[in-house]
Protein backbone atom coordinates (compact mmCIF):
# COMPACT_ATOMS: atom_id res chain seq x y z
CA MET A 1 0.00 0.00 0.00
CA THR A 2 1.28 3.48 -0.82
CA PHE A 3 1.38 5.44 2.42
CA ILE A 4 1.28 9.19 3.01
CA ASN A 5 3.84 11.01 0.86
CA ARG A 6 4.31 14.37 -0.80
CA GLU A 7 1.78 13.57 -3.55
CA THR A 8 -0.95 12.24 -1.26
CA THR A 9 -4.28 14.05 -1.76
CA ALA A 10 -6.67 14.95 1.06
CA GLU A 11 -9.10 12.25 -0.16
CA GLU A 12 -6.41 9.58 -0.23
CA LYS A 13 -5.25 10.63 3.22
CA PHE A 14 -8.80 10.29 4.57
CA LYS A 15 -8.96 6.74 3.20
CA ILE A 16 -5.61 5.83 4.71
CA MET A 17 -6.51 7.25 8.12
CA THR A 18 -9.88 5.50 8.33
CA GLU A 19 -9.11 2.14 6.67
CA THR A 20 -5.52 1.15 7.48
CA PRO A 21 -5.28 -1.31 10.45
CA VAL A 22 -4.94 0.92 13.51
CA ASN A 23 -1.91 -0.84 15.04
CA LYS A 24 0.07 -0.44 11.82
CA LEU A 25 -1.18 3.11 11.28
CA ILE A 26 -0.24 4.27 14.79
CA CYS A 27 3.24 2.77 14.53
CA ILE A 28 3.87 4.45 11.17
CA LEU A 29 2.60 7.82 12.38
CA ALA A 30 4.35 7.50 15.74
CA VAL A 31 7.86 7.00 14.37
CA PRO A 32 8.39 10.64 13.29
CA THR A 33 6.65 12.01 16.41
CA ILE A 34 8.77 9.82 18.70
CA VAL A 35 11.91 10.95 16.86
CA SER A 36 10.78 14.59 17.13
CA MET A 37 10.13 14.31 20.86
CA LEU A 38 13.42 12.51 21.49
CA ILE A 39 15.39 15.12 19.53
CA THR A 40 13.67 17.94 21.44
CA SER A 41 14.46 16.24 24.74
CA ILE A 42 18.05 15.52 23.70
CA TYR A 43 18.84 19.13 22.94
CA ASN A 44 17.11 20.19 26.17
CA MET A 45 19.33 17.66 27.93
CA ALA A 46 22.33 19.08 26.06
CA ASP A 47 21.55 22.52 27.52
CA THR A 48 21.46 20.97 31.00
CA PHE A 49 24.65 18.98 30.38
CA PHE A 50 26.76 21.86 29.10
CA ILE A 51 25.43 24.46 31.56
CA SER A 52 26.05 22.07 34.48
CA LYS A 53 29.75 22.22 33.59
CA ILE A 54 29.77 25.90 34.57
CA SER A 55 28.62 25.61 38.20
CA THR A 56 25.87 24.28 40.47
CA SER A 57 24.12 27.68 40.45
CA ALA A 58 24.23 27.77 36.65
CA SER A 59 22.71 24.28 36.61
CA GLY A 60 19.91 25.57 38.84
CA ALA A 61 19.22 28.32 36.28
CA VAL A 62 18.10 25.61 33.84
CA GLY A 63 15.26 24.76 36.19
CA ILE A 64 14.25 28.42 36.31
CA ALA A 65 14.26 28.66 32.50
CA PHE A 66 12.36 25.36 32.28
CA ALA A 67 9.43 27.04 34.01
CA LEU A 68 9.43 29.78 31.34
CA MET A 69 9.67 27.20 28.55
CA SER A 70 6.54 25.58 29.99
CA ILE A 71 4.72 28.92 29.63
CA ILE A 72 5.74 29.11 25.96
CA GLN A 73 4.58 25.52 25.50
CA ALA A 74 1.30 26.40 27.22
CA ILE A 75 0.62 29.04 24.55
CA GLY A 76 1.78 26.83 21.68
CA PHE A 77 -0.05 23.71 22.76
CA THR A 78 -3.24 25.57 23.66
CA PHE A 79 -3.61 26.90 20.13
CA GLY A 80 -1.75 24.01 18.48
CA ALA A 81 -3.45 21.06 20.13
CA GLY A 82 -6.77 22.93 20.16
CA SER A 83 -6.73 23.73 16.45
CA GLY A 84 -5.11 20.39 15.59
CA ASN A 85 -7.74 18.34 17.42
CA TYR A 86 -10.53 20.29 15.74
CA ILE A 87 -8.85 20.09 12.32
CA SER A 88 -8.53 16.30 12.49
CA ARG A 89 -12.26 15.97 13.21
CA LEU A 90 -13.12 18.48 10.46
CA LEU A 91 -11.01 16.55 7.97
CA GLY A 92 -12.73 13.36 9.12
CA GLN A 93 -15.96 15.16 8.15
CA LYS A 94 -14.33 16.42 4.90
CA LYS A 95 -14.67 20.12 5.84
CA THR A 96 -11.31 21.22 4.44
CA GLU A 97 -12.07 24.91 3.86
CA TYR A 98 -13.16 25.55 7.42
CA ALA A 99 -10.20 23.55 8.69
CA SER A 100 -7.92 26.06 6.91
CA LYS A 101 -9.49 28.92 8.86
CA VAL A 102 -8.99 27.06 12.13
CA ALA A 103 -5.32 26.42 11.30
CA ALA A 104 -4.58 30.07 10.47
CA THR A 105 -6.43 31.31 13.55
CA GLY A 106 -4.48 29.01 15.85
CA PHE A 107 -1.13 29.92 14.28
CA PHE A 108 -1.45 33.71 14.31
CA SER A 109 -3.11 33.80 17.73
CA ALA A 110 -0.13 31.95 19.23
CA PHE A 111 2.37 34.25 17.50
CA PHE A 112 0.71 37.47 18.69
CA SER A 113 0.21 36.11 22.23
CA GLY A 114 3.88 35.17 22.40
CA LEU A 115 4.89 38.61 21.15
CA ILE A 116 2.88 40.43 23.85
CA LEU A 117 4.17 38.22 26.68
CA ALA A 118 7.76 38.49 25.40
CA LEU A 119 7.67 42.29 25.52
CA MET A 120 6.26 42.22 29.04
CA GLY A 121 8.89 39.70 30.14
CA LEU A 122 11.78 41.77 28.77
CA ILE A 123 10.49 44.90 30.51
CA PHE A 124 10.13 43.12 33.85
CA LEU A 125 13.07 40.70 33.53
CA ASP A 126 14.42 41.04 37.08
CA PRO A 127 11.18 40.36 38.93
CA LEU A 128 10.35 37.62 36.41
CA VAL A 129 13.34 35.40 37.22
CA TYR A 130 12.68 35.70 40.96
CA ALA A 131 9.00 34.92 40.37
CA LEU A 132 10.12 31.76 38.54
CA GLY A 133 11.92 30.62 41.70
CA ALA A 134 15.51 31.90 41.35
CA THR A 135 17.70 32.37 44.41
CA ASP A 136 20.10 35.32 44.67
CA THR A 137 23.00 33.15 43.48
CA ILE A 138 21.05 31.56 40.61
CA ALA A 139 19.38 34.80 39.39
CA PRO A 140 22.33 36.21 37.35
CA TYR A 141 22.63 32.97 35.36
CA ALA A 142 18.85 32.75 34.97
CA LYS A 143 18.57 36.31 33.61
CA ASP A 144 21.21 35.62 30.96
CA TYR A 145 19.25 32.56 29.82
CA VAL A 146 15.71 33.94 30.07
CA ARG A 147 16.52 37.17 28.18
CA TYR A 148 17.26 35.30 24.95
CA ILE A 149 14.36 32.86 25.35
CA LEU A 150 11.95 35.80 25.56
CA ILE A 151 13.29 37.17 22.26
CA GLY A 152 12.41 33.90 20.55
CA MET A 153 9.09 33.46 22.33
CA PRO A 154 6.71 34.52 19.48
CA TYR A 155 7.99 32.14 16.82
CA MET A 156 8.69 29.39 19.35
CA ALA A 157 5.01 29.42 20.38
CA ALA A 158 3.96 29.49 16.71
CA SER A 159 6.25 26.53 15.95
CA PHE A 160 4.35 24.39 18.44
CA VAL A 161 1.15 25.24 16.56
CA LEU A 162 2.65 24.34 13.18
CA ASN A 163 3.99 21.04 14.47
CA ASN A 164 0.65 20.12 16.06
CA ILE A 165 -1.36 21.08 12.97
CA LEU A 166 0.89 18.95 10.74
CA ARG A 167 0.81 16.04 13.18
CA PHE A 168 -2.97 16.00 13.51
CA GLN A 169 -3.22 15.84 9.72
CA GLY A 170 -1.09 12.70 9.73
CA SER A 171 2.01 14.51 8.41
CA ALA A 172 4.31 14.24 11.41
CA PHE A 173 7.29 13.43 9.16
CA ILE A 174 7.52 17.09 8.11
CA GLY A 175 7.53 18.10 11.78
CA MET A 176 10.29 15.58 12.45
CA ILE A 177 12.47 17.14 9.74
CA GLY A 178 11.94 20.67 11.08
CA ILE A 179 12.49 19.78 14.74
CA GLY A 180 15.35 17.42 13.90
CA ALA A 181 17.26 20.06 11.95
CA GLY A 182 16.84 22.59 14.75
CA GLY A 183 17.77 20.07 17.41
CA ILE A 184 21.02 19.03 15.73
CA LEU A 185 21.93 22.68 15.21
CA ASN A 186 21.27 23.41 18.90
CA ILE A 187 23.57 20.61 20.05
CA ILE A 188 26.33 21.92 17.75
CA LEU A 189 25.91 25.55 18.84
CA ASP A 190 25.70 24.89 22.61
CA PRO A 191 29.41 24.26 23.35
CA ILE A 192 30.51 26.88 20.79
CA LEU A 193 28.45 29.71 22.28
CA ILE A 194 28.75 28.65 25.93
CA PHE A 195 32.51 28.02 26.03
CA SER A 196 34.22 29.22 22.82
CA PHE A 197 32.40 32.56 22.86
CA ASN A 198 32.34 32.58 26.69
CA MET A 199 28.61 33.45 26.77
CA GLY A 200 27.73 31.05 29.61
CA THR A 201 24.03 30.37 30.14
CA GLY A 202 23.17 33.12 27.64
CA GLY A 203 25.00 31.13 24.97
CA ALA A 204 22.83 28.08 25.61
CA ALA A 205 19.70 30.20 25.28
CA LEU A 206 20.96 31.88 22.10
CA ALA A 207 21.66 28.43 20.64
CA THR A 208 18.10 27.46 21.50
CA ILE A 209 16.38 30.41 19.84
CA ILE A 210 18.55 30.15 16.69
CA SER A 211 17.75 26.46 16.31
CA GLN A 212 14.07 27.06 17.06
CA PHE A 213 13.96 29.72 14.33
CA VAL A 214 15.41 27.27 11.82
CA SER A 215 12.74 24.72 12.83
CA PHE A 216 10.04 27.37 12.50
CA CYS A 217 11.14 28.30 8.97
CA ILE A 218 11.17 24.66 7.83
CA LEU A 219 7.74 23.94 9.32
CA PHE A 220 6.18 27.10 7.87
CA TYR A 221 7.67 26.51 4.42
CA ASN A 222 6.30 22.96 4.32
CA SER A 223 2.77 23.79 5.42
CA GLY A 224 0.48 23.18 2.46
CA MET A 225 2.56 20.31 1.11
CA ASN A 226 1.75 16.62 1.28
CA GLY A 227 -1.98 17.32 1.21
CA THR A 228 -1.79 19.49 4.34
CA ILE A 229 -3.36 22.88 5.03
CA LYS A 230 -1.44 26.00 3.96
CA ILE A 231 -1.18 28.72 6.60
CA ARG A 232 -2.42 32.03 5.15
CA PHE A 233 -3.15 35.30 6.94
CA ALA A 234 -6.24 35.67 4.72
CA ASP A 235 -7.72 32.65 6.54
CA PHE A 236 -7.14 34.20 9.98
CA THR A 237 -10.63 34.22 11.51
CA PRO A 238 -10.57 35.64 15.06
CA GLU A 239 -14.20 34.82 15.80
CA TRP A 240 -15.65 33.28 18.94
CA LYS A 241 -17.12 30.27 17.12
CA VAL A 242 -13.60 29.33 16.01
CA TYR A 243 -11.93 30.07 19.34
CA LYS A 244 -14.64 28.16 21.17
CA GLU A 245 -13.66 24.91 19.46
CA ILE A 246 -9.94 25.67 19.67
CA PHE A 247 -10.21 26.24 23.40
CA ARG A 248 -12.38 23.16 23.83
CA GLY A 249 -9.53 21.03 22.53
CA GLY A 250 -6.67 23.27 23.68
CA LEU A 251 -7.54 24.16 27.26
CA PRO A 252 -6.48 20.75 28.61
CA SER A 253 -3.04 21.45 27.10
CA PHE A 254 -3.11 24.96 28.58
CA TYR A 255 -3.93 23.60 32.02
CA ARG A 256 -1.31 20.88 31.72
CA GLN A 257 1.48 23.16 30.48
CA SER A 258 0.69 26.22 32.60
CA LEU A 259 0.29 24.10 35.71
CA GLY A 260 3.52 22.38 34.71
CA SER A 261 5.17 25.80 34.76
CA LEU A 262 3.59 26.65 38.12
CA ALA A 263 4.60 23.24 39.44
CA MET A 264 8.20 23.85 38.36
CA ILE A 265 8.15 27.24 40.10
CA CYS A 266 6.81 25.64 43.29
CA LEU A 267 9.45 22.91 42.98
CA ASN A 268 12.17 25.55 42.63
CA PHE A 269 10.98 27.41 45.72
CA SER A 270 10.60 24.22 47.78
CA ALA A 271 13.98 22.86 46.72
CA GLY A 272 15.54 26.30 47.21
CA GLN A 273 14.98 25.97 50.97
CA PHE A 274 17.65 23.26 50.92
CA GLY A 275 20.22 25.13 48.81
CA ASP A 276 21.32 25.47 45.18
CA ALA A 277 22.32 21.79 45.09
CA ALA A 278 18.70 20.77 45.67
CA VAL A 279 17.46 23.11 42.91
CA ALA A 280 20.10 21.79 40.53
CA ALA A 281 19.34 18.15 41.41
CA MET A 282 15.59 18.48 40.90
CA SER A 283 16.18 20.38 37.66
CA ILE A 284 18.27 17.46 36.37
CA VAL A 285 15.66 14.94 37.51
CA SER A 286 12.94 16.89 35.71
CA ARG A 287 14.95 16.87 32.49
CA VAL A 288 15.70 13.14 32.78
CA PHE A 289 12.04 12.27 33.19
CA HIS A 290 10.99 14.67 30.48
CA PHE A 291 13.38 12.79 28.20
CA SER A 292 12.04 9.43 29.41
CA LEU A 293 8.46 10.56 28.76
CA SER A 294 9.28 11.85 25.29
CA ALA A 295 8.94 8.44 23.64
CA LEU A 296 5.52 7.92 25.27
CA LEU A 297 4.37 11.41 24.26
CA GLY A 298 5.56 10.79 20.70
CA PHE A 299 3.75 7.45 20.58
CA GLY A 300 0.59 9.07 21.92
CA GLN A 301 0.89 11.81 19.32
CA GLY A 302 0.90 9.10 16.66
CA PHE A 303 -2.38 7.88 18.17
CA GLN A 304 -4.10 11.28 18.19
CA PRO A 305 -4.65 11.82 14.43
CA VAL A 306 -5.93 8.24 14.16
CA CYS A 307 -8.27 8.94 17.06
CA GLY A 308 -9.46 12.29 15.65
CA PHE A 309 -10.03 11.16 12.06
CA ASN A 310 -11.92 8.01 13.05
CA TYR A 311 -13.97 9.67 15.78
CA GLY A 312 -14.98 12.33 13.26
CA ALA A 313 -15.88 9.57 10.79
CA LYS A 314 -17.87 7.78 13.57
CA LYS A 315 -15.65 4.70 13.44
CA TYR A 316 -15.63 4.23 17.18
CA ASP A 317 -14.42 0.64 17.11
CA ARG A 318 -11.16 1.82 15.55
CA VAL A 319 -10.73 4.49 18.24
CA ILE A 320 -11.20 1.92 21.02
CA SER A 321 -8.81 -0.59 19.41
CA ALA A 322 -6.19 2.13 18.93
CA PHE A 323 -6.52 3.22 22.57
CA TRP A 324 -5.92 -0.23 24.04
CA PHE A 325 -3.01 -0.89 21.69
CA CYS A 326 -1.33 2.31 22.92
CA ILE A 327 -1.96 1.50 26.58
CA LYS A 328 -0.38 -1.96 26.30
CA VAL A 329 2.70 -0.82 24.41
CA SER A 330 3.24 2.26 26.59
CA ALA A 331 2.94 0.34 29.88
CA ILE A 332 5.55 -2.24 28.81
CA VAL A 333 8.02 0.42 27.64
CA LEU A 334 7.64 2.55 30.80
CA ILE A 335 8.17 -0.47 33.07
CA ILE A 336 11.48 -1.17 31.30
CA ILE A 337 12.54 2.48 31.52
CA SER A 338 11.61 2.62 35.21
CA ILE A 339 13.79 -0.37 36.03
CA VAL A 340 16.77 1.22 34.26
CA LEU A 341 16.24 4.56 36.04
CA PHE A 342 15.90 2.90 39.45
CA VAL A 343 19.03 0.77 39.09
CA PHE A 344 21.32 3.39 37.52
CA SER A 345 20.02 6.60 39.13
CA PRO A 346 23.35 7.74 40.72
CA GLN A 347 25.22 7.20 37.46
CA ILE A 348 22.57 9.10 35.48
CA ILE A 349 22.69 12.15 37.75
CA SER A 350 26.50 12.12 37.82
CA VAL A 351 26.59 12.50 34.03
CA PHE A 352 25.36 16.06 34.54
CA ARG A 353 27.05 17.11 37.78
CA LYS A 354 29.69 14.56 38.86
CA GLU A 355 31.65 17.29 40.67
CA ASP A 356 28.94 17.74 43.33
CA ALA A 357 28.19 14.74 45.57
CA GLU A 358 25.22 16.50 47.19
CA VAL A 359 23.52 17.01 43.82
CA ILE A 360 24.03 13.31 42.99
CA ALA A 361 22.67 12.11 46.35
CA ILE A 362 19.53 14.30 46.21
CA GLY A 363 18.87 13.60 42.53
CA ALA A 364 19.41 9.84 42.71
CA LYS A 365 16.86 9.37 45.50
CA ALA A 366 14.28 11.55 43.70
CA LEU A 367 14.86 9.60 40.49
CA ARG A 368 14.27 6.27 42.24
CA LEU A 369 11.12 7.42 44.00
CA TYR A 370 9.64 8.77 40.77
CA SER A 371 10.54 5.63 38.81
CA ILE A 372 8.38 3.49 41.11
CA THR A 373 5.17 5.15 39.89
CA PHE A 374 6.39 6.13 36.41
CA PRO A 375 4.53 3.31 34.55
CA LEU A 376 1.20 4.79 35.71
CA SER A 377 1.85 7.63 33.26
CA ALA A 378 0.87 5.30 30.40
CA TRP A 379 -2.80 5.33 31.39
CA ILE A 380 -2.80 8.97 32.54
CA ILE A 381 -1.29 10.41 29.35
CA ILE A 382 -2.94 8.19 26.70
CA THR A 383 -6.35 8.66 28.34
CA ASN A 384 -5.84 12.42 28.47
CA MET A 385 -4.83 12.47 24.79
CA MET A 386 -7.90 10.47 23.77
CA LEU A 387 -10.32 12.68 25.71
CA GLN A 388 -8.73 15.85 24.35
CA THR A 389 -8.74 14.63 20.75
CA ILE A 390 -12.40 13.58 20.69
CA GLY A 391 -13.51 16.92 22.15
CA LYS A 392 -14.16 15.83 25.74
CA GLY A 393 -12.56 19.01 27.03
CA THR A 394 -13.94 18.90 30.58
CA GLN A 395 -12.77 15.38 31.32
CA ALA A 396 -9.41 15.97 29.63
CA SER A 397 -8.96 19.17 31.63
CA ILE A 398 -9.66 17.36 34.89
CA ILE A 399 -6.88 14.86 34.19
CA ALA A 400 -4.55 17.61 32.96
CA ILE A 401 -5.17 19.67 36.09
CA SER A 402 -4.76 16.73 38.45
CA ARG A 403 -1.22 15.60 37.64
CA GLN A 404 0.70 18.87 37.99
CA GLY A 405 -1.87 21.02 39.74
CA LEU A 406 -4.46 19.35 41.90
CA PHE A 407 -2.02 16.85 43.43
CA PHE A 408 1.59 17.83 42.72
CA ILE A 409 1.55 21.48 43.77
CA PRO A 410 -0.01 20.79 47.21
CA ALA A 411 2.37 17.86 47.66
CA VAL A 412 5.53 19.82 46.84
CA ILE A 413 4.42 22.69 49.11
CA ILE A 414 3.21 20.65 52.10
CA LEU A 415 5.42 17.53 52.20
CA PRO A 416 8.78 19.34 52.59
CA HIS A 417 7.51 20.87 55.83
CA ILE A 418 6.83 17.35 57.12
CA PHE A 419 9.61 15.25 55.61
CA GLY A 420 12.25 17.82 54.67
CA ILE A 421 14.07 17.29 51.37
CA LEU A 422 12.44 13.84 51.11
CA GLY A 423 9.10 15.64 50.70
CA VAL A 424 10.45 17.39 47.60
CA GLN A 425 11.83 14.14 46.21
CA MET A 426 8.63 12.12 46.67
CA SER A 427 6.09 14.73 45.52
CA GLN A 428 5.81 13.65 41.86
CA ALA A 429 5.39 9.98 42.77
CA ILE A 430 2.58 10.82 45.21
CA SER A 431 0.90 12.98 42.58
CA ASP A 432 1.00 10.24 39.94
CA VAL A 433 -0.71 7.71 42.23
CA PHE A 434 -3.65 10.04 42.84
CA SER A 435 -3.80 11.14 39.18
CA PHE A 436 -3.96 7.50 38.06
CA ALA A 437 -6.81 6.81 40.48
CA LEU A 438 -8.72 9.75 38.99
CA ALA A 439 -7.97 8.93 35.34
CA VAL A 440 -9.10 5.29 35.43
CA PRO A 441 -12.88 5.87 35.91
CA LEU A 442 -12.86 8.82 33.48
CA GLY A 443 -11.22 6.78 30.74
CA ILE A 444 -13.43 3.74 31.24
CA SER A 445 -16.62 5.81 31.15
CA ILE A 446 -15.70 7.34 27.76
CA LEU A 447 -14.82 3.91 26.33
CA LYS A 448 -18.26 2.67 27.40
CA GLU A 449 -19.88 5.72 25.81
CA MET A 450 -18.16 4.99 22.48
CA ARG A 451 -19.20 1.35 22.58
CA ASN A 452 -22.80 2.44 23.07
CA LYS A 453 -22.53 4.86 20.12
CA GLU A 454 -21.10 2.07 18.01
CA VAL A 455 -24.13 -0.12 18.74
CA LEU A 456 -26.58 2.70 17.99
CA ASP A 457 -24.85 3.66 14.73
């Protein structure tokens, strides 16, 4: 069978998405999204690796900047996942013209939102880094990093939209090329700008925004190819009826990403009570688990266009089959990853900061505690993706809020007062147990609802 390529028409793509066996389809679509997520995580890890060679305080600055990156992702994923989810359903209903308006509205809304927030951030840079959780010793490094990230904020947010729109149309390969090119460039530029040009943390941030701009240009140039929607300003339709559907699908991502940013800020403040080593250690742990989750997120992103197209086409049996296939594969992979992280946690942390025994000790214990509950993320994340894609915004938002907001933030604020640094280290594991308990009944109820629709149809 000829699969999706540059010459694939919208009609042929619809046939492929609704008739190809779901297991095969998900695996084919997931390969480029997994690669994209891994590359993104690798160059984020590269930032952490190279900056950690400067000092423990510089390493802590990565955690401060990570909170800002989550804000940028919140903007990008709100408009990107929101418009992408809606577009996949519209294409499943063969409403291509309206889908073009949704795509343009999501893209330009993200760009202008990023521009406004970037200007505000640059004006209030000093209070911003302290609000993100910087200590007095970390703040100078954090300001050097954050300043450049704010400059790139508009097109970085818009890039997330482009990547999501392409992915939800079943064209994740284009996204992989754009993100891959930028990621490789970032890894090359990091040591040059940080050490050769003696720019420190600012060099890592400059490398990031240059590479992100390259990715943005590639993604924008390729929109409209391979049977995908072309982004045009003429299609920009800032009307409530469009935003209503974008927000329906995008607000779960907004809650997840913005609460992720708030959670990182709370983590920075809680860890900061125990010194820069604790901030640096938890920053490294966060990056390691973000990297470990990247494969699952990429796999789930391969599931989402299959879910959206077939739900829109009322082929609920294919949605259910795809969901269970993703759950089984994801659970097995996360169990294997968890075992590796638990066994080799000291060695993993020492890769980033072998000069500081305190960072290694704090990070290794946090890594082991988190790895115990890590496999539960398979159900939490795949269920959240399914609910978001089929337009169940309320249920998806509840799950999105629970993991980093409803459970993690109270845990990371309260537990350190009871257990000391152990409270910081165990907070994510505690949050995941409660999030899993909440996500199970929500997921099962929607699966039952689809089975009932299948019988009626």
